[in-house]
C-alpha atoms as a PDB file:
ATOM      1  CA  MET A   1      -2.429  66.653  -7.527  1.00  0.00           C
ATOM      2  CA  GLY A   2       0.701  67.120  -5.403  1.00  0.00           C
ATOM      3  CA  ARG A   3      -1.273  67.773  -2.201  1.00  0.00           C
ATOM      4  CA  TYR A   4      -3.547  64.849  -2.961  1.00  0.00           C
ATOM      5  CA  ALA A   5      -0.537  62.522  -3.425  1.00  0.00           C
ATOM      6  CA  LEU A   6       1.133  63.850  -0.252  1.00  0.00           C
ATOM      7  CA  ARG A   7      -2.001  63.215   1.825  1.00  0.00           C
ATOM      8  CA  ARG A   8      -2.233  59.707   0.468  1.00  0.00           C
ATOM      9  CA  ILE A   9       1.430  58.953   1.199  1.00  0.00           C
ATOM     10  CA  LEU A  10       1.263  60.362   4.747  1.00  0.00           C
ATOM     11  CA  GLY A  11      -1.898  58.342   5.362  1.00  0.00           C
ATOM     12  CA  ILE A  12       0.113  55.134   5.011  1.00  0.00           C
ATOM     13  CA  VAL A  13       2.189  55.762   8.152  1.00  0.00           C
ATOM     14  CA  PRO A  14      -0.549  55.491  10.824  1.00  0.00           C
ATOM     15  CA  VAL A  15      -2.152  52.526   9.060  1.00  0.00           C
ATOM     16  CA  LEU A  16       1.188  50.728   8.993  1.00  0.00           C
ATOM     17  CA  LEU A  17       1.745  51.502  12.685  1.00  0.00           C
ATOM     18  CA  VAL A  18      -1.672  50.044  13.560  1.00  0.00           C
ATOM     19  CA  ILE A  19      -0.908  46.882  11.535  1.00  0.00           C
ATOM     20  CA  PHE A  20       2.474  46.520  13.264  1.00  0.00           C
ATOM     21  CA  THR A  21       0.903  46.982  16.717  1.00  0.00           C
ATOM     22  CA  LEU A  22      -1.930  44.518  16.101  1.00  0.00           C
ATOM     23  CA  SER A  23       0.489  41.947  14.695  1.00  0.00           C
ATOM     24  CA  PHE A  24       2.773  42.352  17.687  1.00  0.00           C
ATOM     25  CA  VAL A  25      -0.082  42.000  20.201  1.00  0.00           C
ATOM     26  CA  LEU A  26      -1.482  38.905  18.461  1.00  0.00           C
ATOM     27  CA  MET A  27       1.952  37.274  18.240  1.00  0.00           C
ATOM     28  CA  ARG A  28       2.604  37.957  21.940  1.00  0.00           C
ATOM     29  CA  ALA A  29      -0.854  36.700  22.910  1.00  0.00           C
ATOM     30  CA  ALA A  30      -0.429  33.394  21.053  1.00  0.00           C
ATOM     31  CA  PRO A  31       0.212  30.469  23.415  1.00  0.00           C
ATOM     32  CA  GLY A  32       3.692  28.976  23.571  1.00  0.00           C
ATOM     33  CA  GLY A  33       7.082  30.511  23.055  1.00  0.00           C
ATOM     34  CA  PRO A  34       9.650  30.183  20.294  1.00  0.00           C
ATOM     35  CA  PHE A  35      11.889  27.964  22.452  1.00  0.00           C
ATOM     36  CA  ASP A  36       9.195  25.749  23.951  1.00  0.00           C
ATOM     37  CA  ALA A  37       9.523  23.132  21.171  1.00  0.00           C
ATOM     38  CA  GLU A  38      13.267  22.820  21.657  1.00  0.00           C
ATOM     39  CA  LYS A  39      14.577  19.755  23.424  1.00  0.00           C
ATOM     40  CA  PRO A  40      14.841  20.376  27.188  1.00  0.00           C
ATOM     41  CA  VAL A  41      17.751  22.631  28.061  1.00  0.00           C
ATOM     42  CA  PRO A  42      18.922  23.920  31.431  1.00  0.00           C
ATOM     43  CA  ALA A  43      16.808  26.768  32.745  1.00  0.00           C
ATOM     44  CA  GLU A  44      19.788  29.110  32.698  1.00  0.00           C
ATOM     45  CA  VAL A  45      20.470  28.400  29.024  1.00  0.00           C
ATOM     46  CA  LYS A  46      16.842  29.010  28.079  1.00  0.00           C
ATOM     47  CA  ARG A  47      16.841  32.209  30.109  1.00  0.00           C
ATOM     48  CA  ASN A  48      19.964  33.459  28.324  1.00  0.00           C
ATOM     49  CA  LEU A  49      18.340  32.717  24.939  1.00  0.00           C
ATOM     50  CA  GLU A  50      15.223  34.650  25.908  1.00  0.00           C
ATOM     51  CA  LEU A  51      17.328  37.555  27.187  1.00  0.00           C
ATOM     52  CA  LYS A  52      19.246  37.622  23.909  1.00  0.00           C
ATOM     53  CA  TYR A  53      16.045  37.881  21.877  1.00  0.00           C
ATOM     54  CA  HIS A  54      14.379  40.368  24.293  1.00  0.00           C
ATOM     55  CA  LEU A  55      11.727  37.886  25.403  1.00  0.00           C
ATOM     56  CA  ARG A  56      12.800  38.712  28.944  1.00  0.00           C
ATOM     57  CA  GLU A  57      13.718  42.104  30.304  1.00  0.00           C
ATOM     58  CA  PRO A  58      15.879  42.192  33.464  1.00  0.00           C
ATOM     59  CA  TRP A  59      14.585  45.604  34.515  1.00  0.00           C
ATOM     60  CA  CYS A  60      10.971  44.374  34.402  1.00  0.00           C
ATOM     61  CA  GLU A  61      11.825  41.181  36.312  1.00  0.00           C
ATOM     62  CA  ALA A  62      13.666  43.116  38.996  1.00  0.00           C
ATOM     63  CA  ARG A  63      10.746  45.548  39.297  1.00  0.00           C
ATOM     64  CA  PHE A  64       7.886  43.024  39.516  1.00  0.00           C
ATOM     65  CA  LEU A  65       9.207  39.444  40.023  1.00  0.00           C
ATOM     66  CA  PRO A  66      12.837  39.531  41.287  1.00  0.00           C
ATOM     67  CA  ALA A  67      12.838  35.748  41.840  1.00  0.00           C
ATOM     68  CA  LEU A  68      12.881  35.193  38.050  1.00  0.00           C
ATOM     69  CA  ALA A  69      16.480  36.413  37.950  1.00  0.00           C
ATOM     70  CA  GLN A  70      17.530  33.108  39.561  1.00  0.00           C
ATOM     71  CA  GLY A  71      16.719  31.163  36.360  1.00  0.00           C
ATOM     72  CA  LEU A  72      13.867  29.016  37.690  1.00  0.00           C
ATOM     73  CA  GLU A  73      12.826  25.700  36.166  1.00  0.00           C
ATOM     74  CA  PRO A  74       9.593  25.917  34.080  1.00  0.00           C
ATOM     75  CA  ALA A  75       7.442  24.303  36.771  1.00  0.00           C
ATOM     76  CA  ALA A  76       8.806  26.596  39.486  1.00  0.00           C
ATOM     77  CA  GLU A  77       8.310  29.664  37.297  1.00  0.00           C
ATOM     78  CA  ARG A  78       4.698  28.694  36.555  1.00  0.00           C
ATOM     79  CA  ALA A  79       4.061  28.273  40.285  1.00  0.00           C
ATOM     80  CA  LEU A  80       5.650  31.638  41.033  1.00  0.00           C
ATOM     81  CA  ARG A  81       3.556  33.382  38.384  1.00  0.00           C
ATOM     82  CA  ALA A  82       0.361  31.658  39.627  1.00  0.00           C
ATOM     83  CA  GLU A  83       1.023  32.865  43.191  1.00  0.00           C
ATOM     84  CA  ASN A  84       1.718  36.430  41.977  1.00  0.00           C
ATOM     85  CA  ALA A  85      -0.772  36.814  39.138  1.00  0.00           C
ATOM     86  CA  ALA A  86      -0.936  40.613  39.203  1.00  0.00           C
ATOM     87  CA  ALA A  87       2.847  41.023  39.372  1.00  0.00           C
ATOM     88  CA  SER A  88       3.276  38.416  36.611  1.00  0.00           C
ATOM     89  CA  LEU A  89       0.859  40.285  34.358  1.00  0.00           C
ATOM     90  CA  ALA A  90       2.644  43.567  35.022  1.00  0.00           C
ATOM     91  CA  GLU A  91       6.024  41.934  34.293  1.00  0.00           C
ATOM     92  CA  LYS A  92       4.743  40.530  30.989  1.00  0.00           C
ATOM     93  CA  PHE A  93       3.240  43.868  29.998  1.00  0.00           C
ATOM     94  CA  CYS A  94       6.487  45.652  30.881  1.00  0.00           C
ATOM     95  CA  THR A  95       8.576  43.143  28.884  1.00  0.00           C
ATOM     96  CA  GLY A  96       6.180  43.444  25.954  1.00  0.00           C
ATOM     97  CA  ALA A  97       6.490  47.219  26.002  1.00  0.00           C
ATOM     98  CA  PHE A  98      10.294  46.943  25.884  1.00  0.00           C
ATOM     99  CA  GLN A  99      10.162  44.410  23.065  1.00  0.00           C
ATOM    100  CA  TYR A 100       7.646  46.535  21.130  1.00  0.00           C
ATOM    101  CA  GLY A 101       9.939  49.560  21.317  1.00  0.00           C
ATOM    102  CA  TRP A 102      12.984  47.487  20.355  1.00  0.00           C
ATOM    103  CA  MET A 103      11.278  45.928  17.313  1.00  0.00           C
ATOM    104  CA  LEU A 104       9.688  49.211  16.201  1.00  0.00           C
ATOM    105  CA  ALA A 105      13.051  50.989  16.381  1.00  0.00           C
ATOM    106  CA  ASN A 106      14.653  48.210  14.312  1.00  0.00           C
ATOM    107  CA  TYR A 107      11.829  48.246  11.735  1.00  0.00           C
ATOM    108  CA  THR A 108      12.271  51.974  11.130  1.00  0.00           C
ATOM    109  CA  THR A 109      15.841  51.224  10.022  1.00  0.00           C
ATOM    110  CA  GLY A 110      14.820  48.259   7.856  1.00  0.00           C
ATOM    111  CA  ASP A 111      16.179  45.681  10.305  1.00  0.00           C
ATOM    112  CA  PHE A 112      13.659  42.901  10.973  1.00  0.00           C
ATOM    113  CA  GLY A 113      15.844  41.302  13.622  1.00  0.00           C
ATOM    114  CA  PRO A 114      17.124  37.763  14.123  1.00  0.00           C
ATOM    115  CA  SER A 115      15.177  34.603  13.382  1.00  0.00           C
ATOM    116  CA  TYR A 116      14.213  32.662  16.521  1.00  0.00           C
ATOM    117  CA  LYS A 117      14.292  29.332  14.713  1.00  0.00           C
ATOM    118  CA  TYR A 118      17.376  29.665  12.514  1.00  0.00           C
ATOM    119  CA  LYS A 119      20.020  31.060  14.826  1.00  0.00           C
ATOM    120  CA  ASP A 120      22.575  31.768  12.106  1.00  0.00           C
ATOM    121  CA  ARG A 121      20.231  33.685   9.788  1.00  0.00           C
ATOM    122  CA  SER A 122      18.474  37.014  10.087  1.00  0.00           C
ATOM    123  CA  VAL A 123      14.880  37.697   9.044  1.00  0.00           C
ATOM    124  CA  ASN A 124      16.165  40.106   6.391  1.00  0.00           C
ATOM    125  CA  GLU A 125      17.903  37.168   4.675  1.00  0.00           C
ATOM    126  CA  PHE A 126      14.598  35.234   4.506  1.00  0.00           C
ATOM    127  CA  ILE A 127      12.767  38.286   3.168  1.00  0.00           C
ATOM    128  CA  ALA A 128      15.494  38.914   0.586  1.00  0.00           C
ATOM    129  CA  ALA A 129      15.248  35.283  -0.566  1.00  0.00           C
ATOM    130  CA  GLY A 130      11.445  34.935  -0.619  1.00  0.00           C
ATOM    131  CA  LEU A 131      10.247  38.382  -1.690  1.00  0.00           C
ATOM    132  CA  PRO A 132      11.595  38.316  -5.290  1.00  0.00           C
ATOM    133  CA  VAL A 133       9.985  34.910  -5.845  1.00  0.00           C
ATOM    134  CA  THR A 134       6.626  36.072  -4.513  1.00  0.00           C
ATOM    135  CA  ILE A 135       6.808  39.257  -6.619  1.00  0.00           C
ATOM    136  CA  GLN A 136       7.588  37.226  -9.748  1.00  0.00           C
ATOM    137  CA  LEU A 137       4.681  34.892  -9.037  1.00  0.00           C
ATOM    138  CA  GLY A 138       2.351  37.847  -8.428  1.00  0.00           C
ATOM    139  CA  LEU A 139       3.405  39.593 -11.641  1.00  0.00           C
ATOM    140  CA  VAL A 140       2.977  36.443 -13.714  1.00  0.00           C
ATOM    141  CA  ALA A 141      -0.463  35.908 -12.184  1.00  0.00           C
ATOM    142  CA  MET A 142      -1.391  39.546 -12.862  1.00  0.00           C
ATOM    143  CA  CYS A 143      -0.350  39.165 -16.512  1.00  0.00           C
ATOM    144  CA  PHE A 144      -2.618  36.137 -16.824  1.00  0.00           C
ATOM    145  CA  ALA A 145      -5.438  37.983 -15.053  1.00  0.00           C
ATOM    146  CA  LEU A 146      -5.201  41.084 -17.265  1.00  0.00           C
ATOM    147  CA  LEU A 147      -4.704  39.183 -20.494  1.00  0.00           C
ATOM    148  CA  ILE A 148      -7.610  36.818 -19.953  1.00  0.00           C
ATOM    149  CA  GLY A 149      -9.862  39.183 -18.019  1.00  0.00           C
ATOM    150  CA  LEU A 150      -9.610  42.186 -20.355  1.00  0.00           C
ATOM    151  CA  GLY A 151      -9.944  40.031 -23.451  1.00  0.00           C
ATOM    152  CA  ALA A 152     -13.006  38.202 -22.165  1.00  0.00           C
ATOM    153  CA  GLY A 153     -14.592  41.374 -20.798  1.00  0.00           C
ATOM    154  CA  LEU A 154     -14.128  43.365 -24.017  1.00  0.00           C
ATOM    155  CA  LEU A 155     -15.428  40.470 -26.108  1.00  0.00           C
ATOM    156  CA  ALA A 156     -18.496  40.142 -23.881  1.00  0.00           C
ATOM    157  CA  ALA A 157     -19.227  43.884 -24.068  1.00  0.00           C
ATOM    158  CA  ILE A 158     -18.784  44.141 -27.828  1.00  0.00           C
ATOM    159  CA  LYS A 159     -20.859  40.986 -28.437  1.00  0.00           C
ATOM    160  CA  HIS A 160     -23.472  41.884 -25.822  1.00  0.00           C
ATOM    161  CA  ASN A 161     -26.140  39.173 -25.415  1.00  0.00           C
ATOM    162  CA  ALA A 162     -24.527  37.041 -28.143  1.00  0.00           C
ATOM    163  CA  TRP A 163     -23.141  33.569 -27.489  1.00  0.00           C
ATOM    164  CA  GLU A 164     -19.653  35.054 -27.020  1.00  0.00           C
ATOM    165  CA  ASP A 165     -21.006  37.174 -24.171  1.00  0.00           C
ATOM    166  CA  HIS A 166     -22.627  34.186 -22.456  1.00  0.00           C
ATOM    167  CA  ALA A 167     -19.540  32.001 -22.953  1.00  0.00           C
ATOM    168  CA  ALA A 168     -17.189  34.613 -21.503  1.00  0.00           C
ATOM    169  CA  MET A 169     -19.379  35.292 -18.478  1.00  0.00           C
ATOM    170  CA  GLY A 170     -19.893  31.563 -17.954  1.00  0.00           C
ATOM    171  CA  ALA A 171     -16.132  31.069 -17.914  1.00  0.00           C
ATOM    172  CA  ALA A 172     -15.802  33.993 -15.484  1.00  0.00           C
ATOM    173  CA  LEU A 173     -18.356  32.429 -13.158  1.00  0.00           C
ATOM    174  CA  LEU A 174     -16.443  29.168 -13.354  1.00  0.00           C
ATOM    175  CA  GLY A 175     -13.194  30.966 -12.517  1.00  0.00           C
ATOM    176  CA  ILE A 176     -14.745  32.577  -9.438  1.00  0.00           C
ATOM    177  CA  SER A 177     -16.358  29.320  -8.269  1.00  0.00           C
ATOM    178  CA  ILE A 178     -13.322  27.024  -8.433  1.00  0.00           C
ATOM    179  CA  PRO A 179     -10.894  27.618  -5.515  1.00  0.00           C
ATOM    180  CA  ASN A 180      -7.223  27.632  -6.415  1.00  0.00           C
ATOM    181  CA  PHE A 181      -6.421  24.722  -4.094  1.00  0.00           C
ATOM    182  CA  VAL A 182      -8.646  22.621  -6.369  1.00  0.00           C
ATOM    183  CA  LEU A 183      -7.571  24.153  -9.672  1.00  0.00           C
ATOM    184  CA  GLY A 184      -3.849  23.789  -8.949  1.00  0.00           C
ATOM    185  CA  PRO A 185      -3.791  20.001  -8.413  1.00  0.00           C
ATOM    186  CA  VAL A 186      -6.124  19.517 -11.413  1.00  0.00           C
ATOM    187  CA  LEU A 187      -3.758  21.482 -13.666  1.00  0.00           C
ATOM    188  CA  ILE A 188      -0.790  19.479 -12.366  1.00  0.00           C
ATOM    189  CA  LEU A 189      -2.651  16.247 -13.052  1.00  0.00           C
ATOM    190  CA  VAL A 190      -3.570  17.250 -16.607  1.00  0.00           C
ATOM    191  CA  PHE A 191      -0.588  19.269 -17.876  1.00  0.00           C
ATOM    192  CA  SER A 192       2.245  17.736 -15.856  1.00  0.00           C
ATOM    193  CA  LEU A 193       1.435  14.143 -15.041  1.00  0.00           C
ATOM    194  CA  THR A 194      -0.758  13.263 -18.065  1.00  0.00           C
ATOM    195  CA  LEU A 195       0.379  15.450 -20.980  1.00  0.00           C
ATOM    196  CA  MET A 196       3.842  16.145 -19.500  1.00  0.00           C
ATOM    197  CA  TRP A 197       3.937  19.619 -21.047  1.00  0.00           C
ATOM    198  CA  LEU A 198       4.909  21.579 -17.943  1.00  0.00           C
ATOM    199  CA  PRO A 199       6.819  20.838 -14.710  1.00  0.00           C
ATOM    200  CA  PRO A 200       4.596  20.200 -11.681  1.00  0.00           C
ATOM    201  CA  ALA A 201       6.585  22.060  -9.029  1.00  0.00           C
ATOM    202  CA  ARG A 202       9.653  24.140  -8.076  1.00  0.00           C
ATOM    203  CA  TRP A 203      10.716  27.530  -9.414  1.00  0.00           C
ATOM    204  CA  ASP A 204      13.659  27.176 -11.800  1.00  0.00           C
ATOM    205  CA  GLY A 205      12.572  28.994 -14.993  1.00  0.00           C
ATOM    206  CA  TRP A 206       9.748  30.469 -17.044  1.00  0.00           C
ATOM    207  CA  GLN A 207       8.135  27.087 -17.692  1.00  0.00           C
ATOM    208  CA  TYR A 208       7.763  26.645 -13.910  1.00  0.00           C
ATOM    209  CA  MET A 209       5.761  29.889 -13.686  1.00  0.00           C
ATOM    210  CA  ILE A 210       2.895  29.001 -16.023  1.00  0.00           C
ATOM    211  CA  LEU A 211       0.815  26.654 -13.884  1.00  0.00           C
ATOM    212  CA  PRO A 212       1.130  28.528 -10.548  1.00  0.00           C
ATOM    213  CA  GLY A 213       0.703  31.895 -12.308  1.00  0.00           C
ATOM    214  CA  PHE A 214      -2.453  30.772 -14.080  1.00  0.00           C
ATOM    215  CA  THR A 215      -3.827  29.142 -10.935  1.00  0.00           C
ATOM    216  CA  LEU A 216      -3.266  32.236  -8.831  1.00  0.00           C
ATOM    217  CA  GLY A 217      -4.530  34.662 -11.502  1.00  0.00           C
ATOM    218  CA  SER A 218      -7.656  32.764 -12.577  1.00  0.00           C
ATOM    219  CA  VAL A 219      -9.960  34.223  -9.910  1.00  0.00           C
ATOM    220  CA  TYR A 220      -8.749  37.759 -10.576  1.00  0.00           C
ATOM    221  CA  ALA A 221      -9.159  37.241 -14.331  1.00  0.00           C
ATOM    222  CA  ALA A 222     -12.803  36.340 -13.724  1.00  0.00           C
ATOM    223  CA  TYR A 223     -13.451  39.496 -11.695  1.00  0.00           C
ATOM    224  CA  ILE A 224     -11.617  41.679 -14.215  1.00  0.00           C
ATOM    225  CA  ALA A 225     -13.710  40.201 -17.035  1.00  0.00           C
ATOM    226  CA  ARG A 226     -16.948  41.015 -15.227  1.00  0.00           C
ATOM    227  CA  LEU A 227     -15.799  44.543 -14.329  1.00  0.00           C
ATOM    228  CA  THR A 228     -14.574  45.200 -17.861  1.00  0.00           C
ATOM    229  CA  ARG A 229     -17.868  44.075 -19.361  1.00  0.00           C
ATOM    230  CA  GLY A 230     -19.913  46.169 -16.922  1.00  0.00           C
ATOM    231  CA  GLY A 231     -17.771  49.276 -17.353  1.00  0.00           C
ATOM    232  CA  MET A 232     -17.677  49.061 -21.143  1.00  0.00           C
ATOM    233  CA  LEU A 233     -21.443  48.477 -21.435  1.00  0.00           C
ATOM    234  CA  GLU A 234     -22.059  51.587 -19.352  1.00  0.00           C
ATOM    235  CA  VAL A 235     -19.713  53.727 -21.448  1.00  0.00           C
ATOM    236  CA  ILE A 236     -20.599  52.590 -24.959  1.00  0.00           C
ATOM    237  CA  ARG A 237     -24.181  53.760 -24.377  1.00  0.00           C
ATOM    238  CA  GLN A 238     -23.059  57.338 -23.705  1.00  0.00           C
ATOM    239  CA  ASP A 239     -23.794  60.171 -26.135  1.00  0.00           C
ATOM    240  CA  TYR A 240     -20.131  60.878 -26.906  1.00  0.00           C
ATOM    241  CA  ILE A 241     -19.675  57.290 -28.084  1.00  0.00           C
ATOM    242  CA  ARG A 242     -22.657  57.660 -30.435  1.00  0.00           C
ATOM    243  CA  THR A 243     -21.133  60.926 -31.641  1.00  0.00           C
ATOM    244  CA  ALA A 244     -17.829  59.211 -32.352  1.00  0.00           C
ATOM    245  CA  ARG A 245     -19.615  56.531 -34.366  1.00  0.00           C
ATOM    246  CA  ALA A 246     -21.610  59.182 -36.200  1.00  0.00           C
ATOM    247  CA  LYS A 247     -18.327  60.768 -37.322  1.00  0.00           C
ATOM    248  CA  GLY A 248     -17.571  57.575 -39.196  1.00  0.00           C
ATOM    249  CA  LEU A 249     -14.847  56.187 -36.932  1.00  0.00           C
ATOM    250  CA  SER A 250     -14.351  52.468 -37.097  1.00  0.00           C
ATOM    251  CA  GLU A 251     -15.666  50.380 -34.209  1.00  0.00           C
ATOM    252  CA  ARG A 252     -12.093  49.459 -33.263  1.00  0.00           C
ATOM    253  CA  LEU A 253     -11.096  53.112 -32.891  1.00  0.00           C
ATOM    254  CA  VAL A 254     -14.272  53.950 -31.004  1.00  0.00           C
ATOM    255  CA  ILE A 255     -13.559  51.193 -28.498  1.00  0.00           C
ATOM    256  CA  LEU A 256      -9.816  51.747 -28.135  1.00  0.00           C
ATOM    257  CA  ARG A 257      -9.675  55.532 -28.304  1.00  0.00           C
ATOM    258  CA  HIS A 258     -12.920  56.630 -26.618  1.00  0.00           C
ATOM    259  CA  ALA A 259     -14.690  53.857 -24.727  1.00  0.00           C
ATOM    260  CA  MET A 260     -11.792  52.198 -22.932  1.00  0.00           C
ATOM    261  CA  ARG A 261     -10.694  55.331 -21.049  1.00  0.00           C
ATOM    262  CA  GLY A 262     -13.962  55.486 -19.108  1.00  0.00           C
ATOM    263  CA  GLY A 263     -14.782  51.800 -19.228  1.00  0.00           C
ATOM    264  CA  MET A 264     -11.540  50.802 -17.531  1.00  0.00           C
ATOM    265  CA  LEU A 265     -12.079  52.917 -14.387  1.00  0.00           C
ATOM    266  CA  PRO A 266     -13.757  50.052 -12.441  1.00  0.00           C
ATOM    267  CA  VAL A 267     -10.905  47.734 -13.481  1.00  0.00           C
ATOM    268  CA  ILE A 268      -8.245  50.226 -12.392  1.00  0.00           C
ATOM    269  CA  SER A 269      -9.980  50.627  -9.036  1.00  0.00           C
ATOM    270  CA  TYR A 270      -9.878  46.874  -8.631  1.00  0.00           C
ATOM    271  CA  LEU A 271      -6.203  46.500  -9.589  1.00  0.00           C
ATOM    272  CA  GLY A 272      -4.928  47.796  -6.234  1.00  0.00           C
ATOM    273  CA  PRO A 273      -6.644  45.177  -4.042  1.00  0.00           C
ATOM    274  CA  ALA A 274      -6.061  42.579  -6.767  1.00  0.00           C
ATOM    275  CA  LEU A 275      -2.342  43.260  -6.927  1.00  0.00           C
ATOM    276  CA  ALA A 276      -2.094  43.176  -3.139  1.00  0.00           C
ATOM    277  CA  GLY A 277      -4.113  39.967  -3.058  1.00  0.00           C
ATOM    278  CA  LEU A 278      -1.833  38.358  -5.614  1.00  0.00           C
ATOM    279  CA  PHE A 279       1.274  39.222  -3.614  1.00  0.00           C
ATOM    280  CA  THR A 280      -0.164  38.342  -0.219  1.00  0.00           C
ATOM    281  CA  GLY A 281      -2.515  35.508  -1.102  1.00  0.00           C
ATOM    282  CA  SER A 282      -0.047  33.114  -2.658  1.00  0.00           C
ATOM    283  CA  ILE A 283       0.446  30.984   0.474  1.00  0.00           C
ATOM    284  CA  VAL A 284      -1.616  28.040  -0.822  1.00  0.00           C
ATOM    285  CA  ILE A 285      -0.123  28.266  -4.316  1.00  0.00           C
ATOM    286  CA  GLU A 286       3.428  28.301  -2.961  1.00  0.00           C
ATOM    287  CA  ARG A 287       2.628  25.220  -0.892  1.00  0.00           C
ATOM    288  CA  ILE A 288       1.025  23.321  -3.802  1.00  0.00           C
ATOM    289  CA  PHE A 289       3.813  24.082  -6.275  1.00  0.00           C
ATOM    290  CA  ASN A 290       6.668  23.999  -3.714  1.00  0.00           C
ATOM    291  CA  ILE A 291       7.681  27.593  -4.435  1.00  0.00           C
ATOM    292  CA  PRO A 292      10.170  29.183  -1.996  1.00  0.00           C
ATOM    293  CA  GLY A 293       8.314  32.454  -1.503  1.00  0.00           C
ATOM    294  CA  MET A 294       7.092  34.590   1.387  1.00  0.00           C
ATOM    295  CA  GLY A 295       3.969  32.488   1.897  1.00  0.00           C
ATOM    296  CA  ARG A 296       5.934  29.341   2.557  1.00  0.00           C
ATOM    297  CA  TYR A 297       8.197  31.170   5.005  1.00  0.00           C
ATOM    298  CA  PHE A 298       5.139  32.548   6.818  1.00  0.00           C
ATOM    299  CA  VAL A 299       3.634  29.069   7.272  1.00  0.00           C
ATOM    300  CA  ASP A 300       6.949  27.693   8.499  1.00  0.00           C
ATOM    301  CA  ALA A 301       7.359  30.646  10.871  1.00  0.00           C
ATOM    302  CA  ALA A 302       3.867  30.109  12.317  1.00  0.00           C
ATOM    303  CA  LEU A 303       4.521  26.401  12.871  1.00  0.00           C
ATOM    304  CA  ASN A 304       7.917  27.109  14.470  1.00  0.00           C
ATOM    305  CA  ARG A 305       6.623  30.068  16.555  1.00  0.00           C
ATOM    306  CA  ASP A 306       9.252  32.209  14.841  1.00  0.00           C
ATOM    307  CA  ILE A 307       7.644  35.492  15.854  1.00  0.00           C
ATOM    308  CA  THR A 308      10.119  37.872  14.238  1.00  0.00           C
ATOM    309  CA  LEU A 309       9.907  36.137  10.842  1.00  0.00           C
ATOM    310  CA  ALA A 310       6.106  35.891  10.915  1.00  0.00           C
ATOM    311  CA  MET A 311       5.771  39.554  11.877  1.00  0.00           C
ATOM    312  CA  ALA A 312       8.160  40.636   9.155  1.00  0.00           C
ATOM    313  CA  VAL A 313       6.142  38.755   6.531  1.00  0.00           C
ATOM    314  CA  VAL A 314       2.925  40.365   7.762  1.00  0.00           C
ATOM    315  CA  VAL A 315       4.412  43.870   7.733  1.00  0.00           C
ATOM    316  CA  VAL A 316       6.017  43.454   4.298  1.00  0.00           C
ATOM    317  CA  ASN A 317       2.721  42.178   2.903  1.00  0.00           C
ATOM    318  CA  ALA A 318       0.935  45.133   4.486  1.00  0.00           C
ATOM    319  CA  ILE A 319       3.395  47.519   2.828  1.00  0.00           C
ATOM    320  CA  PHE A 320       2.605  45.896  -0.524  1.00  0.00           C
ATOM    321  CA  LEU A 321      -1.108  46.254   0.100  1.00  0.00           C
ATOM    322  CA  LEU A 322      -0.836  49.928   1.049  1.00  0.00           C
ATOM    323  CA  VAL A 323       1.534  50.836  -1.786  1.00  0.00           C
ATOM    324  CA  ALA A 324      -0.673  49.058  -4.335  1.00  0.00           C
ATOM    325  CA  ASN A 325      -3.735  50.965  -3.122  1.00  0.00           C
ATOM    326  CA  LEU A 326      -1.727  54.200  -3.164  1.00  0.00           C
ATOM    327  CA  LEU A 327      -0.697  53.680  -6.786  1.00  0.00           C
ATOM    328  CA  VAL A 328      -4.296  52.938  -7.779  1.00  0.00           C
ATOM    329  CA  ASP A 329      -5.573  56.031  -5.976  1.00  0.00           C
ATOM    330  CA  LEU A 330      -2.952  58.176  -7.721  1.00  0.00           C
ATOM    331  CA  GLY A 331      -3.857  56.597 -11.069  1.00  0.00           C
ATOM    332  CA  LEU A 332      -7.548  57.308 -10.510  1.00  0.00           C
ATOM    333  CA  GLY A 333      -6.683  60.846  -9.483  1.00  0.00           C
ATOM    334  CA  LEU A 334      -4.862  61.365 -12.779  1.00  0.00           C
ATOM    335  CA  LEU A 335      -7.643  59.860 -14.882  1.00  0.00           C
ATOM    336  CA  ASP A 336     -10.575  61.414 -13.053  1.00  0.00           C
ATOM    337  CA  PRO A 337      -9.995  64.843 -11.401  1.00  0.00           C
ATOM    338  CA  ARG A 338     -13.250  64.489  -9.437  1.00  0.00           C
ATOM    339  CA  VAL A 339     -11.478  61.914  -7.236  1.00  0.00           C
ATOM    340  CA  ARG A 340      -8.942  64.559  -6.132  1.00  0.00           C
ATOM    341  CA  TYR A 341     -11.523  67.228  -5.388  1.00  0.00           C
ATOM    342  CA  ASP A 342     -13.827  64.871  -3.498  1.00  0.00           C
ATOM    343  CA  GLU A 343     -11.112  64.257  -0.900  1.00  0.00           C
END
């Protein structure tokens, strides 16, 4: 088990490096720069800002386009780059390589760098403020998903082909079909604006978590219900379950003590991607319910071209995804030794 866990943990590193590299390339390839939306400033001031944030590299400019060191106006710089397309491309590639190394070195120490948009705040401060909120929202949604999904799935399996089975699977199909950007406003309309039972937005206490948590967890509850029903139906037809019943055990003990261990394997396999999806897929929910989490910061960073903040959100979400899958793989390895030996 130790070697299996070590292989899984070491496998995270190259995947994370690929995600970082792809994110960096896509951010650099996106049109526009972080200071393009600012009100016009002297070319020298803009150049100093870009030098400070490693968007320009003097060594690369001196090597390929020395005229850039003069602090050209935007129109003059565009003309210079158009006349020297090959040198301009080489200068951009060189600068990108320097910036890649600078950001990668900072990431290995846990430093996500400065924010391009908010000059007096670092990206780490945004992550520290938004991550706990997103984690709380994800955990609340997971509680809803497990509570509703397991309950409905077990009921459907025990009452196979009865009306309870059809009702539970009908509700699951409904949960999968309704997108959360529709469900959220409907819940606000009913429970906040009509019945006035729950607050419609913000994140100031447990009562603020119910509507967004249920909205985010509803889809996952539906999938968990279907997986639970399928897994339990497959297990309760096995010989050892019939043997347990033949010994005179009550149906409750047969289900809880014998059937659930095998019947829950599909659900456990699904929990990794589900948990990662809950933590990383809350962007719409955070917007609808005005929750100050990572998703809202990511949207704001994309709109503001705040590359360092957007990249940090992507990488942190990727870490969550990989760690969640790692925990599920280790859990499956503990429950089913065949998983370890098949590797």
